[in-house]
Amino acid sequence: MRCTLRLLALLLGTLAIAGAEEAINKSAELPPAAGTPLPEVTRDSLAAAIRRGVDFLLADQNQNGSWGDATHTKDLNIFAPLPGAHQAFRAGASGLALAGLIDAADSRPEVTAAIGKAAAWTAAELPKLRRTSQDCTYNTWGHAYGLRSVSRLYQRETDPAKKTAWARLAQQQVDFANRSEDVNGGWGYLDVFDGLTTRKPSGLPTAFTTATVLLAMAEARSTMGTTLDDNLVKHALASINCQRTPDFSYTYSFQHRYRPRLDINRPAGSLARSQACNACLRNFGETAVTDQVLTEWADRFLAREGFLSNGRKRPVPHEAQFRIAGYFYYYGIYYFTESIRLLPKASHAAYAKRLAAIILSHQEQDGSWWDYPLYNYHRPYGTGYALMALAWCRNAMQ
């Protein structure tokens, strides 16, 4: 009798939790509550926001051409073993800032000069980026976003010899990233949970980090003819698919696939990650990621953007609902555009206008965008993401 009552209590508790989760999911699909209206998006307002973002990057650029540094620390800091973590943070932030600056297509002489300084820094410093710590693979972010900027530098270059040099640097970055592939396939950013020290990481591959790297590699291949390791790519794609749930949410990490209904692994928690992962799988030929899947997740992203926004600027990672961290925000904004560009072009303008309104509503007084206080890297990386997204919106709305 006692066992029966205990089982009944457990069943009722499970049903109550399921009902609460269903209510949360349904409420997330309702229109946002009345509040400050989103700004009207016009060609002029979009151009003005982009220009302000560009002006911020011009003012924030380091003397050596990079962006970001290890200052502005706080009591709670992201794990960052020296020197490799900050080399990776600077490479990633600088790659995003430079890519955003180029996509902005601002023809002012001072912008051209800033791009030139950043290009020189990229050519000199990106080849030095390595995994320098056994417990940390932040270098993967630097390789991925370094590739993004190199692809753009290659496209704008007219000198054949310099184009060849950029293509060579891109191939080097792909080869460096390959060295950090996890034994389970794909890439992560930490290797701290298994107590092992291995030449190839064996700790925490994540579907979204893997998607980030593969999408950058795909762009380099289509732009510069960069060669990818087909077996490694297949291994990485299999890792992403292992973390994909039937509703096209993606678990936070490879280990999380054993607990797929944790809040961070549910649709609201996966809101930003699903954009990148769906775009990656579709780019590499995964037929399961149909137009319907991309559309459902695009609509869900716009309807539930408030979940991501609620985590913006919180200093503690994963403290918002569904364990959302601040640094999910502009990552999700940018990869939303990567996903939407795979849909029929006729659908782009409507999505672009809605997304641009959201981005414009969050621009800071200094012209930047940021979502998480990360030493002094957050403003350049957030602004880079936002400018790339707004450049896509501008083109889609024409």
Protein backbone atom coordinates (compact mmCIF):
# COMPACT_ATOMS: atom_id res chain seq x y z
CA MET A 1 0.00 0.00 0.00
CA ARG A 2 2.81 2.39 0.94
CA CYS A 3 4.57 1.65 -2.39
CA THR A 4 1.35 2.26 -4.29
CA LEU A 5 0.85 5.65 -2.63
CA ARG A 6 4.45 6.58 -3.34
CA LEU A 7 4.08 5.68 -7.02
CA LEU A 8 0.83 7.65 -7.21
CA ALA A 9 2.53 10.70 -5.68
CA LEU A 10 5.38 10.44 -8.16
CA LEU A 11 2.92 10.14 -11.04
CA LEU A 12 0.93 13.16 -9.89
CA GLY A 13 4.14 15.16 -9.46
CA THR A 14 5.29 14.23 -12.94
CA LEU A 15 1.93 15.24 -14.42
CA ALA A 16 2.05 18.55 -12.55
CA ILE A 17 5.53 19.31 -13.89
CA ALA A 18 4.48 18.35 -17.41
CA GLY A 19 1.42 20.59 -17.12
CA ALA A 20 3.53 23.49 -15.93
CA GLU A 21 5.98 23.01 -18.78
CA GLU A 22 3.12 22.86 -21.28
CA ALA A 23 1.69 26.09 -19.87
CA ILE A 24 5.10 27.77 -20.16
CA ASN A 25 5.48 26.63 -23.75
CA LYS A 26 1.99 27.81 -24.68
CA SER A 27 2.46 31.17 -22.97
CA ALA A 28 5.72 31.62 -24.86
CA GLU A 29 3.81 31.48 -28.14
CA LEU A 30 1.43 34.29 -27.16
CA PRO A 31 2.06 37.84 -28.41
CA PRO A 32 4.38 39.85 -26.15
CA ALA A 33 2.80 41.92 -23.43
CA ALA A 34 2.14 45.58 -24.15
CA GLY A 35 5.19 47.73 -23.51
CA THR A 36 7.64 49.90 -25.33
CA PRO A 37 6.88 49.46 -29.03
CA LEU A 38 9.65 48.36 -31.35
CA PRO A 39 11.08 51.14 -33.50
CA GLU A 40 9.82 51.53 -37.04
CA VAL A 41 12.36 50.18 -39.49
CA THR A 42 12.99 52.28 -42.57
CA ARG A 43 15.96 52.43 -44.91
CA ASP A 44 17.06 55.61 -43.14
CA SER A 45 16.74 54.23 -39.60
CA LEU A 46 18.55 51.05 -40.61
CA ALA A 47 21.37 53.00 -42.27
CA ALA A 48 21.67 55.27 -39.23
CA ALA A 49 21.93 52.32 -36.84
CA ILE A 50 24.57 50.63 -38.99
CA ARG A 51 26.58 53.85 -39.19
CA ARG A 52 26.45 54.29 -35.39
CA GLY A 53 27.65 50.70 -34.96
CA VAL A 54 30.50 51.30 -37.39
CA ASP A 55 31.44 54.50 -35.56
CA PHE A 56 31.61 52.56 -32.31
CA LEU A 57 33.99 50.00 -33.81
CA LEU A 58 36.20 52.76 -35.21
CA ALA A 59 36.47 54.36 -31.78
CA ASP A 60 36.92 51.05 -29.97
CA GLN A 61 39.62 49.55 -32.21
CA ASN A 62 42.95 48.90 -30.53
CA GLN A 63 46.04 50.67 -31.84
CA ASN A 64 47.34 47.39 -33.30
CA GLY A 65 44.15 46.84 -35.31
CA SER A 66 42.41 44.30 -33.06
CA TRP A 67 39.43 44.70 -30.74
CA GLY A 68 39.00 43.80 -27.07
CA ASP A 69 41.31 43.15 -24.13
CA ALA A 70 41.44 41.46 -20.74
CA THR A 71 40.41 44.51 -18.72
CA HIS A 72 37.04 45.37 -17.13
CA THR A 73 37.13 42.32 -14.90
CA LYS A 74 34.43 41.62 -12.33
CA ASP A 75 34.00 39.36 -9.30
CA LEU A 76 32.62 36.53 -11.45
CA ASN A 77 34.69 35.88 -14.57
CA ILE A 78 34.54 33.30 -17.32
CA PHE A 79 37.22 30.64 -16.85
CA ALA A 80 40.13 31.95 -18.92
CA PRO A 81 43.52 30.20 -18.47
CA LEU A 82 46.44 32.31 -19.67
CA PRO A 83 47.57 33.01 -22.27
CA GLY A 84 45.48 31.03 -24.73
CA ALA A 85 42.00 32.01 -23.53
CA HIS A 86 42.54 35.71 -24.07
CA GLN A 87 44.34 35.15 -27.36
CA ALA A 88 41.24 33.23 -28.47
CA PHE A 89 38.81 35.82 -27.10
CA ARG A 90 40.64 38.61 -28.91
CA ALA A 91 40.83 36.61 -32.15
CA GLY A 92 37.13 35.79 -32.00
CA ALA A 93 36.01 39.30 -31.04
CA SER A 94 38.28 40.86 -33.67
CA GLY A 95 37.07 38.44 -36.35
CA LEU A 96 33.45 39.31 -35.63
CA ALA A 97 34.11 43.05 -35.45
CA LEU A 98 36.04 43.00 -38.72
CA ALA A 99 33.40 40.89 -40.46
CA GLY A 100 30.68 43.28 -39.27
CA LEU A 101 32.70 46.29 -40.37
CA ILE A 102 33.14 44.83 -43.87
CA ASP A 103 29.49 43.77 -44.18
CA ALA A 104 28.39 47.28 -43.21
CA ALA A 105 29.77 48.44 -46.59
CA ASP A 106 30.62 51.90 -45.30
CA SER A 107 32.84 53.62 -47.88
CA ARG A 108 34.26 56.36 -45.67
CA PRO A 109 38.07 56.60 -45.76
CA GLU A 110 38.37 56.09 -42.01
CA VAL A 111 36.48 52.80 -42.29
CA THR A 112 38.77 51.62 -45.08
CA ALA A 113 41.77 52.52 -42.90
CA ALA A 114 40.35 50.60 -39.93
CA ILE A 115 39.75 47.52 -42.11
CA GLY A 116 43.34 47.77 -43.33
CA LYS A 117 44.70 47.88 -39.77
CA ALA A 118 42.52 44.94 -38.77
CA ALA A 119 43.59 42.98 -41.85
CA ALA A 120 47.25 43.48 -40.97
CA TRP A 121 46.63 42.30 -37.41
CA THR A 122 44.70 39.27 -38.69
CA ALA A 123 47.46 38.25 -41.08
CA ALA A 124 50.12 38.61 -38.37
CA GLU A 125 48.34 37.20 -35.31
CA LEU A 126 45.80 34.61 -36.44
CA PRO A 127 48.54 32.10 -37.43
CA LYS A 128 49.75 32.18 -33.80
CA LEU A 129 46.44 31.03 -32.33
CA ARG A 130 46.68 27.62 -30.69
CA ARG A 131 45.14 25.45 -28.01
CA THR A 132 47.51 26.33 -25.18
CA SER A 133 45.71 24.64 -22.30
CA GLN A 134 44.65 21.02 -21.88
CA ASP A 135 41.41 22.04 -20.18
CA CYS A 136 40.29 24.76 -22.58
CA THR A 137 39.67 24.91 -26.34
CA TYR A 138 38.47 28.48 -26.77
CA ASN A 139 40.78 28.64 -29.78
CA THR A 140 37.99 27.05 -31.82
CA TRP A 141 36.02 30.31 -31.57
CA GLY A 142 39.04 32.26 -32.79
CA HIS A 143 39.56 29.93 -35.75
CA ALA A 144 35.86 30.06 -36.70
CA TYR A 145 35.41 33.81 -36.55
CA GLY A 146 38.88 34.41 -37.93
CA LEU A 147 37.72 32.41 -40.95
CA ARG A 148 34.63 34.63 -41.24
CA SER A 149 36.77 37.75 -41.48
CA VAL A 150 39.32 36.14 -43.82
CA SER A 151 36.54 35.10 -46.22
CA ARG A 152 35.45 38.73 -46.42
CA LEU A 153 38.99 40.05 -46.79
CA TYR A 154 39.51 37.62 -49.67
CA GLN A 155 36.33 38.81 -51.40
CA ARG A 156 37.23 42.50 -51.22
CA GLU A 157 40.86 42.00 -52.26
CA THR A 158 41.79 42.75 -55.89
CA ASP A 159 45.49 41.82 -55.85
CA PRO A 160 45.82 38.14 -56.96
CA ALA A 161 48.89 37.57 -54.77
CA LYS A 162 47.11 38.91 -51.68
CA LYS A 163 44.02 36.86 -52.46
CA THR A 164 46.25 33.78 -52.54
CA ALA A 165 47.70 34.75 -49.16
CA TRP A 166 44.24 35.07 -47.61
CA ALA A 167 43.22 31.69 -49.04
CA ARG A 168 46.39 30.18 -47.58
CA LEU A 169 45.60 31.65 -44.16
CA ALA A 170 42.06 30.26 -44.35
CA GLN A 171 43.35 26.77 -45.10
CA GLN A 172 45.75 27.04 -42.17
CA GLN A 173 42.91 27.99 -39.82
CA VAL A 174 40.82 25.03 -40.99
CA ASP A 175 43.77 22.72 -40.38
CA PHE A 176 44.36 24.22 -36.92
CA ALA A 177 40.67 23.80 -36.03
CA ASN A 178 40.83 20.17 -37.15
CA ARG A 179 43.49 19.51 -34.49
CA SER A 180 40.99 20.49 -31.79
CA GLU A 181 38.21 18.20 -32.98
CA ASP A 182 36.83 16.18 -30.08
CA VAL A 183 37.15 12.40 -30.03
CA ASN A 184 33.33 12.24 -30.03
CA GLY A 185 33.12 14.41 -33.14
CA GLY A 186 32.78 18.14 -33.52
CA TRP A 187 34.15 20.86 -31.30
CA GLY A 188 33.65 22.23 -27.81
CA TYR A 189 35.25 24.96 -25.75
CA LEU A 190 36.13 23.15 -22.50
CA ASP A 191 37.78 19.83 -21.66
CA VAL A 192 37.37 19.70 -17.89
CA PHE A 193 34.78 17.10 -16.95
CA ASP A 194 36.33 13.69 -17.56
CA GLY A 195 39.59 14.06 -15.64
CA LEU A 196 41.58 13.02 -18.71
CA THR A 197 44.42 14.77 -20.48
CA THR A 198 44.46 13.78 -24.13
CA ARG A 199 46.06 15.11 -27.29
CA LYS A 200 42.66 15.47 -28.94
CA PRO A 201 40.01 16.92 -26.63
CA SER A 202 37.76 14.40 -24.95
CA GLY A 203 35.57 16.58 -22.79
CA LEU A 204 32.62 18.63 -23.94
CA PRO A 205 31.76 18.83 -27.66
CA THR A 206 28.68 20.96 -28.24
CA ALA A 207 26.41 21.00 -31.26
CA PHE A 208 26.40 24.80 -31.50
CA THR A 209 30.20 25.15 -31.34
CA THR A 210 30.44 22.45 -33.99
CA ALA A 211 27.89 24.27 -36.15
CA THR A 212 29.78 27.54 -35.69
CA VAL A 213 33.02 25.97 -36.95
CA LEU A 214 31.45 24.04 -39.81
CA LEU A 215 29.48 27.03 -41.12
CA ALA A 216 32.64 29.14 -41.15
CA MET A 217 34.45 26.33 -42.96
CA ALA A 218 31.62 26.04 -45.49
CA GLU A 219 31.81 29.77 -46.21
CA ALA A 220 35.59 29.54 -46.66
CA ARG A 221 35.17 26.60 -49.04
CA SER A 222 32.56 28.36 -51.17
CA THR A 223 34.48 31.65 -51.16
CA MET A 224 38.11 30.53 -51.49
CA GLY A 225 38.01 26.85 -52.39
CA THR A 226 39.31 25.84 -48.96
CA THR A 227 39.69 22.07 -48.62
CA LEU A 228 37.78 20.32 -45.84
CA ASP A 229 38.47 16.88 -44.39
CA ASP A 230 35.37 14.94 -45.48
CA ASN A 231 35.74 12.24 -42.82
CA LEU A 232 36.12 14.83 -40.08
CA VAL A 233 33.08 16.74 -41.37
CA LYS A 234 30.99 13.55 -41.34
CA HIS A 235 32.13 12.83 -37.79
CA ALA A 236 31.21 16.36 -36.71
CA LEU A 237 27.78 16.22 -38.38
CA ALA A 238 27.07 12.90 -36.69
CA SER A 239 27.88 14.56 -33.35
CA ILE A 240 25.35 17.33 -34.04
CA ASN A 241 22.71 14.79 -35.01
CA CYS A 242 23.37 12.85 -31.80
CA GLN A 243 22.39 15.99 -29.91
CA ARG A 244 19.30 16.74 -32.02
CA THR A 245 15.91 15.92 -30.51
CA PRO A 246 12.79 15.10 -32.56
CA ASP A 247 11.53 18.70 -32.34
CA PHE A 248 14.89 20.06 -33.61
CA SER A 249 15.98 21.37 -30.28
CA TYR A 250 19.64 20.59 -29.60
CA THR A 251 20.99 19.52 -26.25
CA TYR A 252 23.53 21.85 -24.71
CA SER A 253 26.35 19.35 -25.00
CA PHE A 254 27.15 15.79 -26.04
CA GLN A 255 26.66 14.56 -22.46
CA HIS A 256 23.27 16.27 -22.23
CA ARG A 257 21.85 13.88 -24.82
CA TYR A 258 21.16 11.55 -21.88
CA ARG A 259 18.87 14.20 -20.34
CA PRO A 260 17.14 15.79 -23.34
CA ARG A 261 14.19 17.23 -21.41
CA LEU A 262 16.19 19.42 -19.08
CA ASP A 263 15.01 23.00 -19.43
CA ILE A 264 18.15 24.11 -21.28
CA ASN A 265 17.57 21.36 -23.84
CA ARG A 266 13.92 22.20 -24.51
CA PRO A 267 12.79 24.50 -27.36
CA ALA A 268 13.00 27.72 -25.34
CA GLY A 269 16.44 26.81 -24.02
CA SER A 270 17.63 25.79 -27.48
CA LEU A 271 16.22 28.90 -29.16
CA ALA A 272 19.58 30.37 -30.21
CA ARG A 273 21.41 27.09 -30.72
CA SER A 274 18.78 25.61 -33.03
CA GLN A 275 19.26 28.45 -35.51
CA ALA A 276 22.95 27.61 -35.97
CA CYS A 277 22.55 23.85 -35.86
CA ASN A 278 19.66 23.73 -38.33
CA ALA A 279 21.53 26.05 -40.70
CA CYS A 280 24.65 23.89 -40.45
CA LEU A 281 22.91 20.58 -41.08
CA ARG A 282 20.95 22.04 -43.99
CA ASN A 283 24.14 23.53 -45.50
CA PHE A 284 25.78 20.12 -45.42
CA GLY A 285 22.86 18.30 -47.02
CA GLU A 286 20.78 17.00 -44.08
CA THR A 287 17.37 16.41 -45.67
CA ALA A 288 15.56 16.28 -42.32
CA VAL A 289 16.03 20.06 -41.98
CA THR A 290 13.26 21.08 -44.36
CA ASP A 291 11.87 24.52 -45.16
CA GLN A 292 9.11 23.75 -42.69
CA VAL A 293 11.64 23.14 -39.89
CA LEU A 294 13.49 26.35 -40.65
CA THR A 295 10.22 28.31 -40.80
CA GLU A 296 8.90 26.87 -37.54
CA TRP A 297 12.12 27.75 -35.75
CA ALA A 298 12.25 31.22 -37.28
CA ASP A 299 8.71 31.93 -36.12
CA ARG A 300 9.46 30.47 -32.71
CA PHE A 301 12.58 32.63 -32.42
CA LEU A 302 10.66 35.84 -33.06
CA ALA A 303 7.79 34.82 -30.78
CA ARG A 304 10.08 33.82 -27.90
CA GLU A 305 12.92 36.31 -28.36
CA GLY A 306 11.97 37.68 -24.94
CA PHE A 307 13.38 34.55 -23.30
CA LEU A 308 16.79 35.33 -24.80
CA SER A 309 16.49 39.03 -24.07
CA ASN A 310 15.71 38.33 -20.43
CA GLY A 311 19.19 36.84 -20.13
CA ARG A 312 20.95 39.82 -21.73
CA LYS A 313 23.55 41.55 -19.55
CA ARG A 314 23.13 39.16 -16.61
CA PRO A 315 26.62 38.60 -15.18
CA VAL A 316 26.03 34.98 -14.15
CA PRO A 317 25.92 32.48 -17.05
CA HIS A 318 22.73 30.44 -17.40
CA GLU A 319 20.81 32.25 -14.65
CA ALA A 320 17.81 33.21 -16.79
CA GLN A 321 14.79 30.98 -17.47
CA PHE A 322 15.60 27.77 -19.32
CA ARG A 323 19.24 28.24 -18.22
CA ILE A 324 19.76 30.86 -20.91
CA ALA A 325 23.01 32.81 -20.72
CA GLY A 326 23.46 36.38 -21.88
CA TYR A 327 25.91 35.39 -24.56
CA PHE A 328 23.21 33.35 -26.32
CA TYR A 329 21.55 36.57 -27.50
CA TYR A 330 23.50 38.09 -30.40
CA TYR A 331 24.78 34.65 -31.32
CA GLY A 332 21.16 33.65 -31.90
CA ILE A 333 20.39 36.91 -33.71
CA TYR A 334 23.18 36.35 -36.23
CA TYR A 335 22.52 32.66 -36.83
CA PHE A 336 18.82 33.43 -37.29
CA THR A 337 19.93 35.18 -40.50
CA GLU A 338 22.09 32.20 -41.47
CA SER A 339 19.03 29.99 -41.15
CA ILE A 340 16.58 32.31 -42.92
CA ARG A 341 18.82 32.81 -45.94
CA LEU A 342 18.23 29.11 -46.72
CA LEU A 343 14.48 29.71 -47.17
CA PRO A 344 12.93 30.95 -50.44
CA LYS A 345 13.96 34.54 -51.06
CA ALA A 346 10.36 35.75 -51.13
CA SER A 347 10.14 35.18 -47.37
CA HIS A 348 13.28 37.13 -46.46
CA ALA A 349 12.01 40.71 -46.39
CA ALA A 350 9.28 40.14 -43.81
CA TYR A 351 11.65 38.32 -41.46
CA ALA A 352 14.33 40.94 -42.01
CA LYS A 353 12.06 43.81 -41.02
CA ARG A 354 10.95 42.09 -37.82
CA LEU A 355 14.50 41.14 -36.87
CA ALA A 356 15.89 44.60 -37.63
CA ALA A 357 13.30 46.18 -35.33
CA ILE A 358 14.48 43.96 -32.48
CA ILE A 359 18.15 44.75 -33.10
CA LEU A 360 17.56 48.50 -33.37
CA SER A 361 15.64 48.48 -30.09
CA HIS A 362 18.74 47.21 -28.24
CA GLN A 363 21.40 49.52 -29.66
CA GLU A 364 23.36 51.20 -26.87
CA GLN A 365 23.90 54.95 -26.54
CA ASP A 366 27.51 54.54 -27.70
CA GLY A 367 26.33 52.74 -30.86
CA SER A 368 27.36 49.25 -29.73
CA TRP A 369 25.38 46.12 -29.00
CA TRP A 370 26.32 43.72 -26.21
CA ASP A 371 24.74 40.88 -24.26
CA TYR A 372 27.19 39.58 -21.63
CA PRO A 373 30.01 41.34 -19.74
CA LEU A 374 33.05 39.41 -20.98
CA TYR A 375 36.16 41.29 -19.87
CA ASN A 376 36.39 43.94 -22.62
CA TYR A 377 35.44 41.75 -25.58
CA HIS A 378 31.65 41.92 -25.38
CA ARG A 379 31.00 45.21 -27.15
CA PRO A 380 33.08 44.45 -30.25
CA TYR A 381 31.78 40.90 -30.62
CA GLY A 382 28.16 41.92 -30.02
CA THR A 383 28.47 44.81 -32.45
CA GLY A 384 30.05 42.52 -35.04
CA TYR A 385 27.17 40.05 -34.79
CA ALA A 386 24.59 42.86 -34.96
CA LEU A 387 26.18 44.57 -37.96
CA MET A 388 26.37 41.32 -39.92
CA ALA A 389 22.71 40.65 -39.11
CA LEU A 390 21.63 44.20 -40.01
CA ALA A 391 23.58 44.06 -43.28
CA TRP A 392 21.60 40.96 -44.19
CA CYS A 393 18.35 42.71 -43.18
CA ARG A 394 19.24 45.73 -45.31
CA ASN A 395 19.91 43.56 -48.35
CA ALA A 396 16.79 41.46 -47.81
CA MET A 397 14.56 44.52 -47.51
CA GLN A 398 15.70 46.09 -50.79
